[in-house]
Amino acid sequence: MGNVRVMSESGWRRLLSQISERLVVPVIGPQLMVSDDSERNLQHDLAQRLRVLHDLDTAEPLPRYRELNAVVSEIRQKNPHTKLQDVYGDVCDLIQEILSNPGLVIPEPVRQIAEIADFDLLVTLTPDDLLARALRRRIAVREIVHSPYLPTSMKDADLPADWRERQAEVHLLYLFGKASQAPQFAIHDEDVLEYAHNVIARGSHSRERFFGELRDRNLLLLGSNFPDWLGRFFLRATNKQRLLADNNKRDWLVDEPQGDGGLTLFLRSFSHDTEVLTNQSPRAFVAELHRRWTAAHAVREEQRALARASESEAAAQQALFFISYSRTRDKVAAEALVSYLRNDLRLSAQEVWYDRNAIEPGDRFARSIQAGIASCEYFIPLISRESDALTETYFRREWKAAIDREQAIMGKTFIVPQIVDADFVPNGYRNVPPEWINGLHFGHCPGGVPTTDTAAHLKKLVRAFRETGQ
């Protein structure tokens, strides 16, 4: 596919499809660290504060998105004997000062990227933790720092071998280090050169497992602001073959035009698998990506909900036990009882109807719950003091449906209530139906684990059902 200056509709479809399959890694650069008016950026603010700290002229213009490198060069020109290690400490202090401001607002593009839940690996090119902060609003974050100068204690901090199984966290790589008092992050071009050399030479503390994933996946470079040489190097280092070859991966470069356009011309001539998008700012591109992904994600979630409801309706027709419980109070006890029924009584997943959702069901799924109650053999409501205190919650609708069905059943056990509190006081609950307390056999499952007598009773129910040949 040839390179284009703006994303076509077919291009958007391909990108969103790749993202939904978790094949894309976003690489977040300084051009996304912008304020709402797009005029100020974090690096400019940092560089000007560093100028003040070192008594430099703050009126001199600075190259956009390369402000920090320019000011470090100014410091060295003014005083060649300045210890660079002290400058790293100054930069770290200033970053913390900026980020500790109570009025700090995470840049909108960073927040929008963090909300795209299909990104499980991410890369940041700046030493601040703004992206990590935005991600933590949604999910746990494992931060992985690349630097040739990390202490020995961090040498093995790479992408975990089982990272794909850790669905409750995302993994964020600081490609050029993370701000600290030690010189373990890049603040000028010579630093960047060393970090790049460390990648290609697989040198000290190179994060090979993470870099291997970058070579296997498609990259979405957003506002990277790479100099010509670094852009060429980065794309080559994250491809298994030369850029001119036909690759199975695709990369996207969304950048503000820079200098003479040498990088753009190079990629359009020699890297046909890299789409260079320059007619839309990275900020505007991310806003459009966020809008399109949010709409597509809502459709996928609706489809999943419908599929789940259909599966539940089918499973309800085979259920032996229907487990009714407070999803906010008794989930742990419900899971323990389900585990007992499946493992100890050898019941199949289809024979135990159990809704794992922690939220009340929507209309379609609510209908499948009602169908499950209407067709199950035994209805097992879990009772606890915490759930008894709830007066308006969904499980009471399930209880009502079970009571309605029981009235049409003659001469057969249907409702089998189980107390999951540690003590066993069936008449100690205010909101349990009186007809249950006076007329039903209560079981005792402290924390969801049946006592000896209750276990024997449940086994008897299963045996009676099996013996009928149903």
Protein backbone atom coordinates (compact mmCIF):
# COMPACT_ATOMS: atom_id res chain seq x y z
CA MET A 1 0.00 0.00 0.00
CA GLY A 2 1.38 3.43 -0.90
CA ASN A 3 1.86 6.17 1.66
CA VAL A 4 -0.85 8.78 2.10
CA ARG A 5 -1.03 12.17 3.75
CA VAL A 6 -4.43 11.68 5.41
CA MET A 7 -6.15 8.54 6.62
CA SER A 8 -8.76 7.20 4.23
CA GLU A 9 -11.93 5.49 5.41
CA SER A 10 -10.51 2.11 4.43
CA GLY A 11 -7.34 3.05 6.29
CA TRP A 12 -9.31 3.83 9.43
CA ARG A 13 -11.10 0.48 9.17
CA ARG A 14 -7.80 -1.36 8.90
CA LEU A 15 -6.27 0.52 11.82
CA LEU A 16 -9.28 -0.03 14.09
CA SER A 17 -9.40 -3.70 13.15
CA GLN A 18 -5.70 -4.11 14.02
CA ILE A 19 -6.23 -2.27 17.32
CA SER A 20 -9.24 -4.45 18.23
CA GLU A 21 -7.05 -7.53 17.71
CA ARG A 22 -4.41 -5.98 20.02
CA LEU A 23 -1.80 -5.88 17.27
CA VAL A 24 -0.95 -2.18 17.58
CA VAL A 25 1.42 -0.49 20.03
CA PRO A 26 1.05 3.30 20.39
CA VAL A 27 4.29 5.25 20.76
CA ILE A 28 3.53 8.55 22.51
CA GLY A 29 5.84 11.47 21.81
CA PRO A 30 6.22 15.06 23.05
CA GLN A 31 3.83 16.48 20.46
CA LEU A 32 0.94 15.00 22.47
CA MET A 33 2.06 16.64 25.72
CA VAL A 34 0.23 19.83 24.84
CA SER A 35 -2.18 22.05 26.72
CA ASP A 36 -5.74 22.66 25.57
CA ASP A 37 -4.77 25.60 23.38
CA SER A 38 -2.02 23.54 21.69
CA GLU A 39 0.41 26.41 22.17
CA ARG A 40 2.17 25.34 25.34
CA ASN A 41 3.68 21.96 26.00
CA LEU A 42 5.24 20.25 28.98
CA GLN A 43 8.75 20.30 27.57
CA HIS A 44 8.62 24.06 26.91
CA ASP A 45 7.46 24.74 30.47
CA LEU A 46 10.21 22.49 31.81
CA ALA A 47 12.90 24.11 29.66
CA GLN A 48 11.97 27.65 30.69
CA ARG A 49 12.06 26.73 34.37
CA LEU A 50 15.47 25.16 33.83
CA ARG A 51 16.64 28.41 32.22
CA VAL A 52 15.53 30.39 35.27
CA LEU A 53 17.32 27.94 37.57
CA HIS A 54 20.59 28.41 35.63
CA ASP A 55 20.24 32.18 35.06
CA LEU A 56 19.73 31.91 31.28
CA ASP A 57 17.81 34.27 29.03
CA THR A 58 14.17 33.16 28.90
CA ALA A 59 13.33 35.50 26.02
CA GLU A 60 15.27 33.56 23.40
CA PRO A 61 12.93 31.40 21.25
CA LEU A 62 13.27 27.63 21.55
CA PRO A 63 12.79 24.93 18.89
CA ARG A 64 9.30 23.46 19.36
CA TYR A 65 9.29 20.05 21.12
CA ARG A 66 13.10 20.14 21.36
CA GLU A 67 13.23 22.78 24.05
CA LEU A 68 14.93 20.68 26.73
CA ASN A 69 17.82 19.64 24.47
CA ALA A 70 18.31 23.29 23.48
CA VAL A 71 18.47 24.52 27.09
CA VAL A 72 20.88 21.75 28.15
CA SER A 73 23.10 22.88 25.27
CA GLU A 74 22.81 26.48 26.50
CA ILE A 75 23.88 25.41 29.99
CA ARG A 76 26.96 23.63 28.66
CA GLN A 77 27.90 26.57 26.45
CA LYS A 78 27.60 29.05 29.31
CA ASN A 79 29.52 26.88 31.76
CA PRO A 80 31.34 23.89 30.18
CA HIS A 81 32.31 22.72 33.66
CA THR A 82 28.73 22.24 34.82
CA LYS A 83 28.24 18.69 36.07
CA LEU A 84 25.60 17.12 33.91
CA GLN A 85 24.61 14.82 36.77
CA ASP A 86 23.39 17.91 38.63
CA VAL A 87 21.34 18.92 35.59
CA TYR A 88 19.56 15.56 35.59
CA GLY A 89 18.66 16.20 39.22
CA ASP A 90 17.41 19.68 38.34
CA VAL A 91 15.26 18.33 35.50
CA CYS A 92 13.83 15.62 37.74
CA ASP A 93 12.97 18.16 40.46
CA LEU A 94 11.30 20.45 37.93
CA ILE A 95 9.25 17.60 36.43
CA GLN A 96 8.03 16.67 39.92
CA GLU A 97 7.26 20.32 40.62
CA ILE A 98 5.17 20.62 37.46
CA LEU A 99 3.37 17.31 37.99
CA SER A 100 2.62 17.99 41.67
CA ASN A 101 0.65 21.13 40.82
CA PRO A 102 -2.90 20.52 42.14
CA GLY A 103 -4.25 22.25 39.05
CA LEU A 104 -2.39 19.96 36.65
CA VAL A 105 -4.57 18.67 33.83
CA ILE A 106 -3.42 15.60 31.91
CA PRO A 107 -3.26 16.58 28.23
CA GLU A 108 -6.40 15.54 26.38
CA PRO A 109 -4.59 13.38 23.75
CA VAL A 110 -2.83 11.43 26.51
CA ARG A 111 -6.10 10.83 28.34
CA GLN A 112 -7.79 9.70 25.12
CA ILE A 113 -5.03 7.20 24.30
CA ALA A 114 -5.24 5.83 27.85
CA GLU A 115 -8.99 5.21 27.45
CA ILE A 116 -8.52 2.92 24.45
CA ALA A 117 -8.74 -0.41 26.25
CA ASP A 118 -7.39 -2.47 23.33
CA PHE A 119 -3.87 -1.11 23.90
CA ASP A 120 -2.09 -3.56 26.25
CA LEU A 121 1.47 -2.47 25.39
CA LEU A 122 2.39 1.22 25.17
CA VAL A 123 5.60 3.24 24.73
CA THR A 124 6.32 6.76 25.94
CA LEU A 125 9.20 8.86 24.63
CA THR A 126 9.13 11.40 27.46
CA PRO A 127 10.51 10.89 31.00
CA ASP A 128 7.37 12.06 32.83
CA ASP A 129 4.67 9.68 34.06
CA LEU A 130 1.64 11.50 32.62
CA LEU A 131 0.65 8.52 30.46
CA ALA A 132 0.95 6.15 33.44
CA ARG A 133 -1.26 8.47 35.50
CA ALA A 134 -3.89 8.54 32.78
CA LEU A 135 -3.82 4.75 32.39
CA ARG A 136 -4.21 4.17 36.13
CA ARG A 137 -7.61 5.81 35.99
CA ARG A 138 -8.69 2.70 34.07
CA ILE A 139 -6.32 -0.16 34.88
CA ALA A 140 -3.16 -1.17 36.74
CA VAL A 141 0.11 -0.23 35.01
CA ARG A 142 3.42 -2.10 35.00
CA GLU A 143 6.14 0.45 34.19
CA ILE A 144 9.24 -0.83 32.37
CA VAL A 145 12.21 1.51 32.11
CA HIS A 146 14.86 1.25 29.41
CA SER A 147 18.20 2.87 30.20
CA PRO A 148 21.82 1.78 29.82
CA TYR A 149 22.48 3.25 33.28
CA LEU A 150 19.93 1.59 35.54
CA PRO A 151 21.03 0.09 38.87
CA THR A 152 21.60 -3.65 39.05
CA SER A 153 18.34 -4.12 40.98
CA MET A 154 16.38 -3.10 37.86
CA LYS A 155 18.32 -5.09 35.29
CA ASP A 156 15.65 -7.77 34.93
CA ALA A 157 12.64 -5.45 34.83
CA ASP A 158 11.47 -6.48 31.36
CA LEU A 159 8.08 -7.48 29.99
CA PRO A 160 6.96 -10.55 32.01
CA ALA A 161 6.93 -13.84 30.14
CA ASP A 162 3.25 -14.29 31.07
CA TRP A 163 2.19 -10.72 30.27
CA ARG A 164 -0.60 -11.86 27.92
CA GLU A 165 -2.29 -13.64 30.81
CA ARG A 166 -2.24 -10.50 32.97
CA GLN A 167 -5.46 -9.05 31.68
CA ALA A 168 -5.85 -6.73 34.67
CA GLU A 169 -2.81 -4.63 33.78
CA VAL A 170 -1.11 -2.90 30.87
CA HIS A 171 2.63 -2.53 30.26
CA LEU A 172 4.28 0.83 29.61
CA LEU A 173 7.86 1.18 28.32
CA TYR A 174 9.84 4.37 28.95
CA LEU A 175 12.03 4.12 25.86
CA PHE A 176 14.39 6.94 26.87
CA GLY A 177 14.27 6.39 30.61
CA LYS A 178 12.10 7.78 33.40
CA ALA A 179 12.88 10.91 35.42
CA SER A 180 14.98 10.26 38.51
CA GLN A 181 17.74 11.99 40.47
CA ALA A 182 20.29 9.72 38.79
CA PRO A 183 21.20 10.20 35.10
CA GLN A 184 18.92 7.37 33.98
CA PHE A 185 16.86 9.28 31.41
CA ALA A 186 17.60 11.24 28.26
CA ILE A 187 17.70 15.04 28.43
CA HIS A 188 19.69 15.87 25.28
CA ASP A 189 20.53 14.50 21.83
CA GLU A 190 23.72 12.74 22.89
CA ASP A 191 21.71 10.85 25.50
CA VAL A 192 19.21 9.80 22.84
CA LEU A 193 22.08 8.54 20.68
CA GLU A 194 23.32 6.34 23.54
CA TYR A 195 19.86 4.96 24.22
CA ALA A 196 19.44 4.16 20.53
CA HIS A 197 22.86 2.49 20.44
CA ASN A 198 21.90 0.41 23.50
CA VAL A 199 18.86 -0.89 21.64
CA ILE A 200 20.67 -1.92 18.47
CA ALA A 201 23.68 -3.31 20.37
CA ARG A 202 21.42 -5.10 22.88
CA GLY A 203 23.53 -3.57 25.57
CA SER A 204 23.10 -3.06 29.29
CA HIS A 205 19.52 -3.36 30.55
CA SER A 206 18.08 -3.66 27.06
CA ARG A 207 14.45 -4.74 27.36
CA GLU A 208 14.66 -7.52 24.79
CA ARG A 209 11.28 -9.10 25.44
CA PHE A 210 9.48 -5.77 25.05
CA PHE A 211 11.57 -4.83 21.99
CA GLY A 212 10.77 -8.25 20.51
CA GLU A 213 7.06 -7.42 20.79
CA LEU A 214 7.68 -4.09 19.06
CA ARG A 215 9.27 -5.95 16.16
CA ASP A 216 6.29 -8.32 15.92
CA ARG A 217 3.54 -5.72 16.25
CA ASN A 218 2.37 -2.71 14.30
CA LEU A 219 3.46 0.65 15.65
CA LEU A 220 1.38 3.82 15.82
CA LEU A 221 3.87 6.65 16.28
CA LEU A 222 1.99 9.68 17.58
CA GLY A 223 3.82 13.00 17.75
CA SER A 224 7.19 11.33 18.18
CA ASN A 225 9.07 14.38 16.86
CA PHE A 226 11.97 12.12 15.86
CA PRO A 227 14.90 13.77 14.09
CA ASP A 228 15.45 12.38 10.61
CA TRP A 229 18.19 9.93 11.66
CA LEU A 230 16.32 8.68 14.73
CA GLY A 231 13.07 8.12 12.87
CA ARG A 232 14.85 5.97 10.28
CA PHE A 233 16.72 4.05 12.99
CA PHE A 234 13.67 3.44 15.19
CA LEU A 235 11.55 2.05 12.37
CA ARG A 236 14.38 -0.19 11.20
CA ALA A 237 15.16 -1.40 14.74
CA THR A 238 11.51 -2.37 15.25
CA ASN A 239 11.30 -4.33 11.99
CA LYS A 240 12.75 -7.79 11.50
CA GLN A 241 13.61 -7.06 7.86
CA ARG A 242 14.93 -4.05 5.99
CA LEU A 243 12.36 -1.35 5.36
CA LEU A 244 12.48 -1.85 1.59
CA ALA A 245 11.37 -5.49 1.95
CA ASP A 246 7.73 -6.55 1.94
CA ASN A 247 6.87 -6.89 5.63
CA ASN A 248 3.90 -8.47 7.34
CA LYS A 249 3.62 -5.54 9.73
CA ARG A 250 2.39 -2.00 9.17
CA ASP A 251 3.40 1.20 10.94
CA TRP A 252 1.77 4.62 11.06
CA LEU A 253 3.71 7.87 11.60
CA VAL A 254 1.54 10.80 12.67
CA ASP A 255 3.76 13.85 13.11
CA GLU A 256 3.83 17.57 12.60
CA PRO A 257 5.98 18.29 9.52
CA GLN A 258 9.60 18.98 10.46
CA GLY A 259 12.50 20.72 8.80
CA ASP A 260 13.15 19.76 5.20
CA GLY A 261 10.89 16.73 5.32
CA GLY A 262 13.80 14.33 4.83
CA LEU A 263 12.28 11.60 7.01
CA THR A 264 8.94 11.82 5.20
CA LEU A 265 10.62 11.63 1.79
CA PHE A 266 12.76 8.68 2.91
CA LEU A 267 9.80 6.70 4.23
CA ARG A 268 7.66 7.35 1.19
CA SER A 269 10.51 6.17 -1.01
CA PHE A 270 11.81 3.17 0.93
CA SER A 271 9.23 2.07 3.52
CA HIS A 272 5.95 1.35 1.75
CA ASP A 273 4.63 -0.35 4.87
CA THR A 274 4.81 2.90 6.83
CA GLU A 275 1.94 5.33 6.36
CA VAL A 276 3.08 8.91 6.89
CA LEU A 277 0.19 11.15 7.92
CA THR A 278 1.12 14.83 7.98
CA ASN A 279 -2.04 16.74 7.04
CA GLN A 280 -3.61 16.26 10.46
CA SER A 281 -1.99 17.21 13.75
CA PRO A 282 -1.25 14.31 16.14
CA ARG A 283 -3.67 15.91 18.59
CA ALA A 284 -6.51 15.96 16.02
CA PHE A 285 -5.65 12.43 14.85
CA VAL A 286 -5.88 11.07 18.40
CA ALA A 287 -9.22 12.82 18.92
CA GLU A 288 -10.57 11.18 15.75
CA LEU A 289 -9.10 7.81 16.71
CA HIS A 290 -10.69 8.03 20.15
CA ARG A 291 -14.09 8.94 18.66
CA ARG A 292 -14.03 6.09 16.14
CA TRP A 293 -12.71 3.51 18.61
CA THR A 294 -15.30 4.46 21.24
CA ALA A 295 -18.12 4.00 18.72
CA ALA A 296 -16.74 0.68 17.43
CA HIS A 297 -16.08 -0.56 20.98
CA ALA A 298 -19.68 0.17 22.00
CA VAL A 299 -20.93 -1.91 19.08
CA ARG A 300 -18.61 -4.80 20.00
CA GLU A 301 -19.71 -4.69 23.63
CA GLU A 302 -23.36 -4.80 22.58
CA GLN A 303 -22.67 -7.79 20.35
CA ARG A 304 -20.84 -9.55 23.18
CA ALA A 305 -23.73 -8.86 25.56
CA LEU A 306 -26.20 -10.33 23.07
CA ALA A 307 -24.01 -13.40 22.54
CA ARG A 308 -23.61 -13.83 26.29
CA ALA A 309 -27.35 -13.55 26.82
CA SER A 310 -27.98 -16.15 24.11
CA GLU A 311 -25.48 -18.51 25.69
CA SER A 312 -27.10 -17.97 29.08
CA GLU A 313 -30.54 -18.68 27.70
CA ALA A 314 -29.28 -21.94 26.21
CA ALA A 315 -27.51 -22.88 29.43
CA ALA A 316 -30.63 -22.12 31.48
CA GLN A 317 -32.47 -24.95 29.75
CA GLN A 318 -29.98 -27.46 31.23
CA ALA A 319 -29.53 -26.01 34.74
CA LEU A 320 -29.89 -28.24 37.76
CA PHE A 321 -29.11 -25.49 40.30
CA PHE A 322 -29.78 -21.76 39.88
CA ILE A 323 -27.58 -19.71 42.23
CA SER A 324 -29.23 -16.43 43.31
CA TYR A 325 -27.05 -14.02 45.30
CA SER A 326 -26.25 -10.38 45.97
CA ARG A 327 -23.66 -9.45 43.37
CA THR A 328 -22.26 -6.71 45.64
CA ARG A 329 -22.24 -8.60 48.96
CA ASP A 330 -22.06 -12.36 48.47
CA LYS A 331 -19.99 -12.86 45.31
CA VAL A 332 -17.15 -14.64 47.13
CA ALA A 333 -19.56 -17.05 48.83
CA ALA A 334 -21.35 -17.70 45.53
CA GLU A 335 -18.06 -18.53 43.81
CA ALA A 336 -17.13 -20.92 46.63
CA LEU A 337 -20.47 -22.74 46.41
CA VAL A 338 -20.26 -22.98 42.62
CA SER A 339 -16.75 -24.43 42.98
CA TYR A 340 -18.09 -27.05 45.42
CA LEU A 341 -20.96 -28.03 43.13
CA ARG A 342 -18.71 -28.41 40.10
CA ASN A 343 -15.68 -30.00 41.74
CA ASP A 344 -17.13 -32.05 44.59
CA LEU A 345 -20.50 -32.98 43.12
CA ARG A 346 -19.08 -33.22 39.58
CA LEU A 347 -21.71 -30.99 38.01
CA SER A 348 -21.04 -29.49 34.60
CA ALA A 349 -20.91 -25.76 33.97
CA GLN A 350 -24.30 -26.02 32.23
CA GLU A 351 -25.86 -27.67 35.28
CA VAL A 352 -25.01 -24.73 37.57
CA TRP A 353 -26.57 -21.43 36.47
CA TYR A 354 -24.40 -18.66 37.90
CA ASP A 355 -24.20 -15.04 36.72
CA ARG A 356 -20.69 -13.68 37.35
CA ASN A 357 -21.58 -10.07 36.60
CA ALA A 358 -20.96 -7.59 39.39
CA ILE A 359 -23.61 -5.25 37.98
CA GLU A 360 -27.32 -5.60 37.51
CA PRO A 361 -28.18 -7.17 34.15
CA GLY A 362 -29.62 -5.36 31.16
CA ASP A 363 -33.03 -6.20 29.70
CA ARG A 364 -31.84 -8.97 27.37
CA PHE A 365 -29.80 -10.73 30.01
CA ALA A 366 -32.51 -10.21 32.63
CA ARG A 367 -34.84 -12.22 30.38
CA SER A 368 -32.33 -15.08 30.32
CA ILE A 369 -32.20 -15.00 34.13
CA GLN A 370 -35.96 -15.28 34.30
CA ALA A 371 -35.80 -18.15 31.81
CA GLY A 372 -33.23 -19.88 34.02
CA ILE A 373 -35.48 -19.62 37.06
CA ALA A 374 -38.43 -20.92 35.05
CA SER A 375 -36.57 -24.04 33.91
CA CYS A 376 -34.06 -24.95 36.64
CA GLU A 377 -34.60 -27.93 38.94
CA TYR A 378 -33.58 -26.24 42.19
CA PHE A 379 -33.42 -22.52 43.10
CA ILE A 380 -30.68 -21.75 45.65
CA PRO A 381 -30.88 -18.26 47.19
CA LEU A 382 -27.84 -17.23 49.27
CA ILE A 383 -28.68 -15.37 52.46
CA SER A 384 -26.38 -13.18 54.57
CA ARG A 385 -26.78 -10.31 56.98
CA GLU A 386 -25.14 -7.93 54.52
CA SER A 387 -27.49 -8.84 51.70
CA ASP A 388 -30.47 -8.91 54.09
CA ALA A 389 -29.85 -5.22 54.79
CA LEU A 390 -30.34 -4.39 51.10
CA THR A 391 -33.91 -3.41 50.35
CA GLU A 392 -33.73 -2.65 46.63
CA THR A 393 -31.56 -4.96 44.59
CA TYR A 394 -31.91 -7.36 41.66
CA PHE A 395 -31.68 -10.67 43.54
CA ARG A 396 -35.02 -9.90 45.21
CA ARG A 397 -36.63 -9.97 41.76
CA GLU A 398 -35.12 -13.43 41.32
CA TRP A 399 -36.60 -14.48 44.66
CA LYS A 400 -40.04 -13.22 43.60
CA ALA A 401 -39.85 -15.14 40.31
CA ALA A 402 -38.87 -18.31 42.20
CA ILE A 403 -41.77 -17.88 44.65
CA ASP A 404 -44.19 -17.41 41.75
CA ARG A 405 -42.96 -20.62 40.12
CA GLU A 406 -43.02 -22.56 43.38
CA GLN A 407 -46.71 -21.85 43.75
CA ALA A 408 -47.30 -23.85 40.56
CA ILE A 409 -45.20 -26.79 41.76
CA MET A 410 -46.85 -29.47 43.88
CA GLY A 411 -45.10 -32.05 46.04
CA LYS A 412 -41.54 -31.20 45.04
CA THR A 413 -38.62 -29.35 46.59
CA PHE A 414 -37.75 -26.29 44.52
CA ILE A 415 -36.36 -23.48 46.72
CA VAL A 416 -33.32 -24.53 48.79
CA PRO A 417 -32.09 -21.44 50.74
CA GLN A 418 -28.51 -21.38 52.01
CA ILE A 419 -27.18 -19.20 54.82
CA VAL A 420 -23.61 -18.12 54.07
CA ASP A 421 -22.92 -16.32 57.38
CA ALA A 422 -20.72 -18.08 59.93
CA ASP A 423 -23.57 -18.53 62.40
CA PHE A 424 -26.75 -20.39 61.52
CA VAL A 425 -29.87 -18.46 62.60
CA PRO A 426 -32.60 -18.92 59.93
CA ASN A 427 -35.09 -16.71 61.76
CA GLY A 428 -32.57 -13.92 62.29
CA TYR A 429 -33.18 -12.15 58.96
CA ARG A 430 -35.75 -9.39 58.55
CA ASN A 431 -36.21 -9.45 54.76
CA VAL A 432 -36.26 -13.18 54.03
CA PRO A 433 -39.80 -14.27 52.99
CA PRO A 434 -41.64 -15.58 56.09
CA GLU A 435 -42.93 -18.61 54.18
CA TRP A 436 -39.32 -19.71 53.66
CA ILE A 437 -38.47 -19.47 57.35
CA ASN A 438 -41.57 -21.36 58.39
CA GLY A 439 -41.73 -23.96 55.66
CA LEU A 440 -38.35 -24.63 54.02
CA HIS A 441 -35.23 -26.59 54.87
CA PHE A 442 -32.36 -24.10 55.27
CA GLY A 443 -28.83 -25.20 54.47
CA HIS A 444 -25.66 -23.74 55.99
CA CYS A 445 -22.73 -22.79 53.75
CA PRO A 446 -20.40 -20.51 55.76
CA GLY A 447 -18.52 -18.44 53.18
CA GLY A 448 -20.09 -20.63 50.49
CA VAL A 449 -18.65 -23.94 51.78
CA PRO A 450 -21.37 -26.44 52.77
CA THR A 451 -21.32 -28.00 56.23
CA THR A 452 -21.41 -31.80 56.45
CA ASP A 453 -25.20 -31.93 56.80
CA THR A 454 -25.77 -29.42 53.99
CA ALA A 455 -23.35 -31.23 51.69
CA ALA A 456 -25.26 -34.47 52.31
CA HIS A 457 -28.55 -32.75 51.53
CA LEU A 458 -27.21 -31.28 48.25
CA LYS A 459 -25.88 -34.70 47.23
CA LYS A 460 -29.30 -36.18 47.98
CA LEU A 461 -30.95 -33.61 45.70
CA VAL A 462 -28.54 -34.41 42.89
CA ARG A 463 -29.01 -38.16 43.35
CA ALA A 464 -32.80 -37.80 43.33
CA PHE A 465 -32.62 -35.83 40.11
CA ARG A 466 -30.32 -38.38 38.46
CA GLU A 467 -32.50 -41.28 39.51
CA THR A 468 -35.56 -39.82 37.79
CA GLY A 469 -33.69 -40.21 34.51
CA GLN A 470 -34.16 -36.57 33.60
